[in-house]
Amino acid sequence: MRRQAQELKATVQVGKKGVTEETVRETAEQIEKRGLVKVRFNNDGAGMDAFVSSLSGKGEVVMKTGRTLVFRKKR
């Protein structure tokens, strides 16, 4: 699992605007489709905890490195 997560390219980018409803919705959709999704925060990572809690029903964090999170679909 960890190897797969490291080799993934970030498919969701959180930019200057921070975490938005659109970002959460897009990430949730990708978790459903792909099963494993990498999210990169371009800012200082502000709002990362809120982002994780907003997706707790869809997926779980399997890896956190700096400003990058990897989510896996909940089983």
PDB file of N, CA and C in Angstrom:
ATOM      1  N   MET A   1       0.831  -1.195   0.000  1.00  0.00           N
ATOM      2  CA  MET A   1       0.000   0.000   0.000  1.00  0.00           C
ATOM      3  C   MET A   1       0.872   1.253   0.000  1.00  0.00           C
ATOM      4  N   ARG A   2       1.882   1.273   0.851  1.00  0.00           N
ATOM      5  CA  ARG A   2       2.729   2.455   0.955  1.00  0.00           C
ATOM      6  C   ARG A   2       3.463   2.724  -0.363  1.00  0.00           C
ATOM      7  N   ARG A   3       3.911   1.671  -0.994  1.00  0.00           N
ATOM      8  CA  ARG A   3       4.608   1.830  -2.271  1.00  0.00           C
ATOM      9  C   ARG A   3       3.680   2.419  -3.330  1.00  0.00           C
ATOM     10  N   GLN A   4       2.453   1.897  -3.388  1.00  0.00           N
ATOM     11  CA  GLN A   4       1.465   2.433  -4.330  1.00  0.00           C
ATOM     12  C   GLN A   4       1.222   3.914  -4.072  1.00  0.00           C
ATOM     13  N   ALA A   5       1.106   4.271  -2.803  1.00  0.00           N
ATOM     14  CA  ALA A   5       0.839   5.662  -2.432  1.00  0.00           C
ATOM     15  C   ALA A   5       1.992   6.573  -2.831  1.00  0.00           C
ATOM     16  N   GLN A   6       3.210   6.108  -2.661  1.00  0.00           N
ATOM     17  CA  GLN A   6       4.365   6.929  -3.010  1.00  0.00           C
ATOM     18  C   GLN A   6       4.473   7.138  -4.514  1.00  0.00           C
ATOM     19  N   GLU A   7       4.092   6.151  -5.290  1.00  0.00           N
ATOM     20  CA  GLU A   7       4.210   6.246  -6.744  1.00  0.00           C
ATOM     21  C   GLU A   7       3.078   7.038  -7.391  1.00  0.00           C
ATOM     22  N   LEU A   8       1.994   7.263  -6.653  1.00  0.00           N
ATOM     23  CA  LEU A   8       0.861   8.029  -7.188  1.00  0.00           C
ATOM     24  C   LEU A   8       1.243   9.474  -7.463  1.00  0.00           C
ATOM     25  N   LYS A   9       0.656  10.039  -8.486  1.00  0.00           N
ATOM     26  CA  LYS A   9       0.781  11.478  -8.725  1.00  0.00           C
ATOM     27  C   LYS A   9      -0.420  12.154  -8.085  1.00  0.00           C
ATOM     28  N   ALA A  10      -0.204  13.357  -7.577  1.00  0.00           N
ATOM     29  CA  ALA A  10      -1.301  14.094  -6.936  1.00  0.00           C
ATOM     30  C   ALA A  10      -2.366  14.420  -7.971  1.00  0.00           C
ATOM     31  N   THR A  11      -3.600  14.018  -7.696  1.00  0.00           N
ATOM     32  CA  THR A  11      -4.700  14.291  -8.623  1.00  0.00           C
ATOM     33  C   THR A  11      -5.578  15.430  -8.118  1.00  0.00           C
ATOM     34  N   VAL A  12      -5.382  15.828  -6.867  1.00  0.00           N
ATOM     35  CA  VAL A  12      -6.116  16.958  -6.304  1.00  0.00           C
ATOM     36  C   VAL A  12      -5.102  17.933  -5.727  1.00  0.00           C
ATOM     37  N   GLN A  13      -5.251  19.206  -6.099  1.00  0.00           N
ATOM     38  CA  GLN A  13      -4.361  20.256  -5.594  1.00  0.00           C
ATOM     39  C   GLN A  13      -5.200  21.269  -4.827  1.00  0.00           C
ATOM     40  N   VAL A  14      -4.765  21.581  -3.614  1.00  0.00           N
ATOM     41  CA  VAL A  14      -5.424  22.610  -2.816  1.00  0.00           C
ATOM     42  C   VAL A  14      -4.540  23.842  -2.898  1.00  0.00           C
ATOM     43  N   GLY A  15      -5.076  24.913  -3.516  1.00  0.00           N
ATOM     44  CA  GLY A  15      -4.280  26.108  -3.795  1.00  0.00           C
ATOM     45  C   GLY A  15      -4.467  27.241  -2.817  1.00  0.00           C
ATOM     46  N   LYS A  16      -4.315  28.450  -3.336  1.00  0.00           N
ATOM     47  CA  LYS A  16      -4.382  29.665  -2.527  1.00  0.00           C
ATOM     48  C   LYS A  16      -5.700  29.840  -1.794  1.00  0.00           C
ATOM     49  N   LYS A  17      -6.781  29.413  -2.415  1.00  0.00           N
ATOM     50  CA  LYS A  17      -8.102  29.562  -1.796  1.00  0.00           C
ATOM     51  C   LYS A  17      -8.292  28.618  -0.615  1.00  0.00           C
ATOM     52  N   GLY A  18      -7.427  27.643  -0.494  1.00  0.00           N
ATOM     53  CA  GLY A  18      -7.547  26.677   0.592  1.00  0.00           C
ATOM     54  C   GLY A  18      -8.600  25.627   0.282  1.00  0.00           C
ATOM     55  N   VAL A  19      -9.117  25.018   1.323  1.00  0.00           N
ATOM     56  CA  VAL A  19     -10.105  23.954   1.175  1.00  0.00           C
ATOM     57  C   VAL A  19     -11.468  24.573   0.870  1.00  0.00           C
ATOM     58  N   THR A  20     -12.053  24.157  -0.241  1.00  0.00           N
ATOM     59  CA  THR A  20     -13.379  24.634  -0.633  1.00  0.00           C
ATOM     60  C   THR A  20     -14.322  23.440  -0.745  1.00  0.00           C
ATOM     61  N   GLU A  21     -15.605  23.721  -0.857  1.00  0.00           N
ATOM     62  CA  GLU A  21     -16.587  22.647  -1.033  1.00  0.00           C
ATOM     63  C   GLU A  21     -16.296  21.853  -2.303  1.00  0.00           C
ATOM     64  N   GLU A  22     -15.874  22.558  -3.337  1.00  0.00           N
ATOM     65  CA  GLU A  22     -15.556  21.904  -4.606  1.00  0.00           C
ATOM     66  C   GLU A  22     -14.382  20.929  -4.445  1.00  0.00           C
ATOM     67  N   THR A  23     -13.381  21.327  -3.696  1.00  0.00           N
ATOM     68  CA  THR A  23     -12.218  20.466  -3.462  1.00  0.00           C
ATOM     69  C   THR A  23     -12.630  19.206  -2.713  1.00  0.00           C
ATOM     70  N   VAL A  24     -13.457  19.372  -1.700  1.00  0.00           N
ATOM     71  CA  VAL A  24     -13.928  18.227  -0.916  1.00  0.00           C
ATOM     72  C   VAL A  24     -14.762  17.298  -1.786  1.00  0.00           C
ATOM     73  N   ARG A  25     -15.665  17.866  -2.582  1.00  0.00           N
ATOM     74  CA  ARG A  25     -16.535  17.074  -3.452  1.00  0.00           C
ATOM     75  C   ARG A  25     -15.705  16.306  -4.489  1.00  0.00           C
ATOM     76  N   GLU A  26     -14.760  16.967  -5.115  1.00  0.00           N
ATOM     77  CA  GLU A  26     -13.911  16.324  -6.130  1.00  0.00           C
ATOM     78  C   GLU A  26     -13.088  15.196  -5.515  1.00  0.00           C
ATOM     79  N   THR A  27     -12.545  15.425  -4.353  1.00  0.00           N
ATOM     80  CA  THR A  27     -11.748  14.399  -3.686  1.00  0.00           C
ATOM     81  C   THR A  27     -12.611  13.196  -3.330  1.00  0.00           C
ATOM     82  N   ALA A  28     -13.807  13.432  -2.814  1.00  0.00           N
ATOM     83  CA  ALA A  28     -14.721  12.341  -2.461  1.00  0.00           C
ATOM     84  C   ALA A  28     -15.076  11.509  -3.695  1.00  0.00           C
ATOM     85  N   GLU A  29     -15.324  12.182  -4.820  1.00  0.00           N
ATOM     86  CA  GLU A  29     -15.643  11.473  -6.060  1.00  0.00           C
ATOM     87  C   GLU A  29     -14.468  10.615  -6.524  1.00  0.00           C
ATOM     88  N   GLN A  30     -13.270  11.164  -6.432  1.00  0.00           N
ATOM     89  CA  GLN A  30     -12.089  10.411  -6.850  1.00  0.00           C
ATOM     90  C   GLN A  30     -11.821   9.220  -5.938  1.00  0.00           C
ATOM     91  N   ILE A  31     -12.064   9.387  -4.653  1.00  0.00           N
ATOM     92  CA  ILE A  31     -11.889   8.264  -3.719  1.00  0.00           C
ATOM     93  C   ILE A  31     -12.830   7.131  -4.114  1.00  0.00           C
ATOM     94  N   GLU A  32     -14.074   7.473  -4.436  1.00  0.00           N
ATOM     95  CA  GLU A  32     -15.051   6.462  -4.855  1.00  0.00           C
ATOM     96  C   GLU A  32     -14.607   5.751  -6.134  1.00  0.00           C
ATOM     97  N   LYS A  33     -14.112   6.510  -7.119  1.00  0.00           N
ATOM     98  CA  LYS A  33     -13.727   5.941  -8.412  1.00  0.00           C
ATOM     99  C   LYS A  33     -12.412   5.175  -8.356  1.00  0.00           C
ATOM    100  N   ARG A  34     -11.396   5.784  -7.767  1.00  0.00           N
ATOM    101  CA  ARG A  34     -10.046   5.239  -7.828  1.00  0.00           C
ATOM    102  C   ARG A  34      -9.655   4.366  -6.652  1.00  0.00           C
ATOM    103  N   GLY A  35     -10.209   4.668  -5.491  1.00  0.00           N
ATOM    104  CA  GLY A  35      -9.852   3.912  -4.298  1.00  0.00           C
ATOM    105  C   GLY A  35      -8.665   4.487  -3.545  1.00  0.00           C
ATOM    106  N   LEU A  36      -7.717   5.074  -4.267  1.00  0.00           N
ATOM    107  CA  LEU A  36      -6.518   5.657  -3.666  1.00  0.00           C
ATOM    108  C   LEU A  36      -6.266   7.011  -4.335  1.00  0.00           C
ATOM    109  N   VAL A  37      -6.205   8.082  -3.538  1.00  0.00           N
ATOM    110  CA  VAL A  37      -6.084   9.440  -4.085  1.00  0.00           C
ATOM    111  C   VAL A  37      -5.030  10.214  -3.308  1.00  0.00           C
ATOM    112  N   LYS A  38      -4.173  10.908  -4.055  1.00  0.00           N
ATOM    113  CA  LYS A  38      -3.152  11.754  -3.436  1.00  0.00           C
ATOM    114  C   LYS A  38      -3.566  13.219  -3.572  1.00  0.00           C
ATOM    115  N   VAL A  39      -3.479  13.945  -2.455  1.00  0.00           N
ATOM    116  CA  VAL A  39      -3.863  15.358  -2.405  1.00  0.00           C
ATOM    117  C   VAL A  39      -2.656  16.173  -1.960  1.00  0.00           C
ATOM    118  N   ARG A  40      -2.339  17.208  -2.724  1.00  0.00           N
ATOM    119  CA  ARG A  40      -1.203  18.067  -2.376  1.00  0.00           C
ATOM    120  C   ARG A  40      -1.713  19.461  -2.038  1.00  0.00           C
ATOM    121  N   PHE A  41      -1.232  19.982  -0.918  1.00  0.00           N
ATOM    122  CA  PHE A  41      -1.558  21.338  -0.484  1.00  0.00           C
ATOM    123  C   PHE A  41      -0.434  22.257  -0.943  1.00  0.00           C
ATOM    124  N   ASN A  42      -0.756  23.253  -1.774  1.00  0.00           N
ATOM    125  CA  ASN A  42       0.260  24.172  -2.290  1.00  0.00           C
ATOM    126  C   ASN A  42       0.582  25.280  -1.300  1.00  0.00           C
ATOM    127  N   ASN A  43      -0.320  25.531  -0.361  1.00  0.00           N
ATOM    128  CA  ASN A  43      -0.059  26.564   0.635  1.00  0.00           C
ATOM    129  C   ASN A  43       0.681  25.932   1.818  1.00  0.00           C
ATOM    130  N   ASP A  44       0.587  26.498   2.967  1.00  0.00           N
ATOM    131  CA  ASP A  44       1.311  25.985   4.131  1.00  0.00           C
ATOM    132  C   ASP A  44       0.612  24.803   4.799  1.00  0.00           C
ATOM    133  N   GLY A  45      -0.382  24.256   4.177  1.00  0.00           N
ATOM    134  CA  GLY A  45      -1.093  23.106   4.727  1.00  0.00           C
ATOM    135  C   GLY A  45      -2.221  23.502   5.659  1.00  0.00           C
ATOM    136  N   ALA A  46      -2.549  24.798   5.677  1.00  0.00           N
ATOM    137  CA  ALA A  46      -3.640  25.269   6.537  1.00  0.00           C
ATOM    138  C   ALA A  46      -4.945  24.609   6.117  1.00  0.00           C
ATOM    139  N   GLY A  47      -5.714  24.160   7.069  1.00  0.00           N
ATOM    140  CA  GLY A  47      -6.989  23.530   6.790  1.00  0.00           C
ATOM    141  C   GLY A  47      -6.895  22.042   6.521  1.00  0.00           C
ATOM    142  N   MET A  48      -5.714  21.482   6.665  1.00  0.00           N
ATOM    143  CA  MET A  48      -5.513  20.067   6.374  1.00  0.00           C
ATOM    144  C   MET A  48      -6.356  19.185   7.313  1.00  0.00           C
ATOM    145  N   ASP A  49      -6.397  19.527   8.598  1.00  0.00           N
ATOM    146  CA  ASP A  49      -7.174  18.732   9.557  1.00  0.00           C
ATOM    147  C   ASP A  49      -8.664  18.801   9.263  1.00  0.00           C
ATOM    148  N   ALA A  50      -9.147  19.984   8.915  1.00  0.00           N
ATOM    149  CA  ALA A  50     -10.567  20.146   8.573  1.00  0.00           C
ATOM    150  C   ALA A  50     -10.896  19.354   7.308  1.00  0.00           C
ATOM    151  N   PHE A  51      -9.977  19.338   6.366  1.00  0.00           N
ATOM    152  CA  PHE A  51     -10.155  18.600   5.117  1.00  0.00           C
ATOM    153  C   PHE A  51     -10.281  17.102   5.409  1.00  0.00           C
ATOM    154  N   VAL A  52      -9.399  16.586   6.256  1.00  0.00           N
ATOM    155  CA  VAL A  52      -9.432  15.170   6.612  1.00  0.00           C
ATOM    156  C   VAL A  52     -10.744  14.816   7.299  1.00  0.00           C
ATOM    157  N   SER A  53     -11.187  15.662   8.232  1.00  0.00           N
ATOM    158  CA  SER A  53     -12.427  15.354   8.951  1.00  0.00           C
ATOM    159  C   SER A  53     -13.653  15.443   8.037  1.00  0.00           C
ATOM    160  N   SER A  54     -13.617  16.316   7.028  1.00  0.00           N
ATOM    161  CA  SER A  54     -14.754  16.425   6.115  1.00  0.00           C
ATOM    162  C   SER A  54     -14.858  15.208   5.196  1.00  0.00           C
ATOM    163  N   LEU A  55     -13.774  14.467   5.033  1.00  0.00           N
ATOM    164  CA  LEU A  55     -13.786  13.273   4.182  1.00  0.00           C
ATOM    165  C   LEU A  55     -13.811  11.976   4.982  1.00  0.00           C
ATOM    166  N   SER A  56     -13.987  12.069   6.279  1.00  0.00           N
ATOM    167  CA  SER A  56     -13.910  10.879   7.128  1.00  0.00           C
ATOM    168  C   SER A  56     -14.970   9.827   6.782  1.00  0.00           C
ATOM    169  N   GLY A  57     -16.085  10.232   6.212  1.00  0.00           N
ATOM    170  CA  GLY A  57     -17.120   9.276   5.821  1.00  0.00           C
ATOM    171  C   GLY A  57     -16.792   8.517   4.547  1.00  0.00           C
ATOM    172  N   LYS A  58     -15.953   9.090   3.695  1.00  0.00           N
ATOM    173  CA  LYS A  58     -15.618   8.484   2.401  1.00  0.00           C
ATOM    174  C   LYS A  58     -14.310   7.701   2.426  1.00  0.00           C
ATOM    175  N   GLY A  59     -13.298   8.285   3.063  1.00  0.00           N
ATOM    176  CA  GLY A  59     -11.992   7.648   3.032  1.00  0.00           C
ATOM    177  C   GLY A  59     -11.194   7.903   4.290  1.00  0.00           C
ATOM    178  N   GLU A  60     -10.059   7.217   4.364  1.00  0.00           N
ATOM    179  CA  GLU A  60      -9.182   7.381   5.508  1.00  0.00           C
ATOM    180  C   GLU A  60      -7.773   7.703   5.025  1.00  0.00           C
ATOM    181  N   VAL A  61      -7.038   8.448   5.827  1.00  0.00           N
ATOM    182  CA  VAL A  61      -5.677   8.822   5.469  1.00  0.00           C
ATOM    183  C   VAL A  61      -4.767   7.625   5.708  1.00  0.00           C
ATOM    184  N   VAL A  62      -4.025   7.244   4.676  1.00  0.00           N
ATOM    185  CA  VAL A  62      -3.077   6.139   4.827  1.00  0.00           C
ATOM    186  C   VAL A  62      -1.639   6.629   4.851  1.00  0.00           C
ATOM    187  N   MET A  63      -1.427   7.881   4.415  1.00  0.00           N
ATOM    188  CA  MET A  63      -0.082   8.434   4.434  1.00  0.00           C
ATOM    189  C   MET A  63      -0.154   9.956   4.494  1.00  0.00           C
ATOM    190  N   LYS A  64       0.693  10.533   5.313  1.00  0.00           N
ATOM    191  CA  LYS A  64       0.797  11.988   5.408  1.00  0.00           C
ATOM    192  C   LYS A  64       2.275  12.341   5.423  1.00  0.00           C
ATOM    193  N   THR A  65       2.677  13.114   4.430  1.00  0.00           N
ATOM    194  CA  THR A  65       4.067  13.529   4.318  1.00  0.00           C
ATOM    195  C   THR A  65       4.097  15.010   3.992  1.00  0.00           C
ATOM    196  N   GLY A  66       4.522  15.818   4.943  1.00  0.00           N
ATOM    197  CA  GLY A  66       4.574  17.254   4.713  1.00  0.00           C
ATOM    198  C   GLY A  66       3.214  17.817   4.369  1.00  0.00           C
ATOM    199  N   ARG A  67       3.078  18.334   3.147  1.00  0.00           N
ATOM    200  CA  ARG A  67       1.813  18.925   2.683  1.00  0.00           C
ATOM    201  C   ARG A  67       1.046  17.993   1.761  1.00  0.00           C
ATOM    202  N   THR A  68       1.341  16.707   1.835  1.00  0.00           N
ATOM    203  CA  THR A  68       0.699  15.726   0.955  1.00  0.00           C
ATOM    204  C   THR A  68      -0.032  14.670   1.775  1.00  0.00           C
ATOM    205  N   LEU A  69      -1.258  14.374   1.362  1.00  0.00           N
ATOM    206  CA  LEU A  69      -2.079  13.348   2.000  1.00  0.00           C
ATOM    207  C   LEU A  69      -2.460  12.298   0.975  1.00  0.00           C
ATOM    208  N   VAL A  70      -2.546  11.050   1.406  1.00  0.00           N
ATOM    209  CA  VAL A  70      -3.050   9.985   0.547  1.00  0.00           C
ATOM    210  C   VAL A  70      -4.237   9.364   1.251  1.00  0.00           C
ATOM    211  N   PHE A  71      -5.373   9.311   0.542  1.00  0.00           N
ATOM    212  CA  PHE A  71      -6.600   8.739   1.074  1.00  0.00           C
ATOM    213  C   PHE A  71      -6.879   7.395   0.421  1.00  0.00           C
ATOM    214  N   ARG A  72      -7.453   6.497   1.214  1.00  0.00           N
ATOM    215  CA  ARG A  72      -7.909   5.200   0.709  1.00  0.00           C
ATOM    216  C   ARG A  72      -9.400   5.102   0.987  1.00  0.00           C
ATOM    217  N   LYS A  73     -10.105   4.484   0.075  1.00  0.00           N
ATOM    218  CA  LYS A  73     -11.546   4.295   0.235  1.00  0.00           C
ATOM    219  C   LYS A  73     -11.797   3.442   1.475  1.00  0.00           C
ATOM    220  N   LYS A  74     -12.795   3.852   2.264  1.00  0.00           N
ATOM    221  CA  LYS A  74     -13.138   3.083   3.465  1.00  0.00           C
ATOM    222  C   LYS A  74     -13.688   1.739   3.066  1.00  0.00           C
ATOM    223  N   ARG A  75     -13.322   0.748   3.822  1.00  0.00           N
ATOM    224  CA  ARG A  75     -13.778  -0.615   3.537  1.00  0.00           C
ATOM    225  C   ARG A  75     -15.075  -0.906   4.215  1.00  0.00           C
TER     226      ARG A  75
END
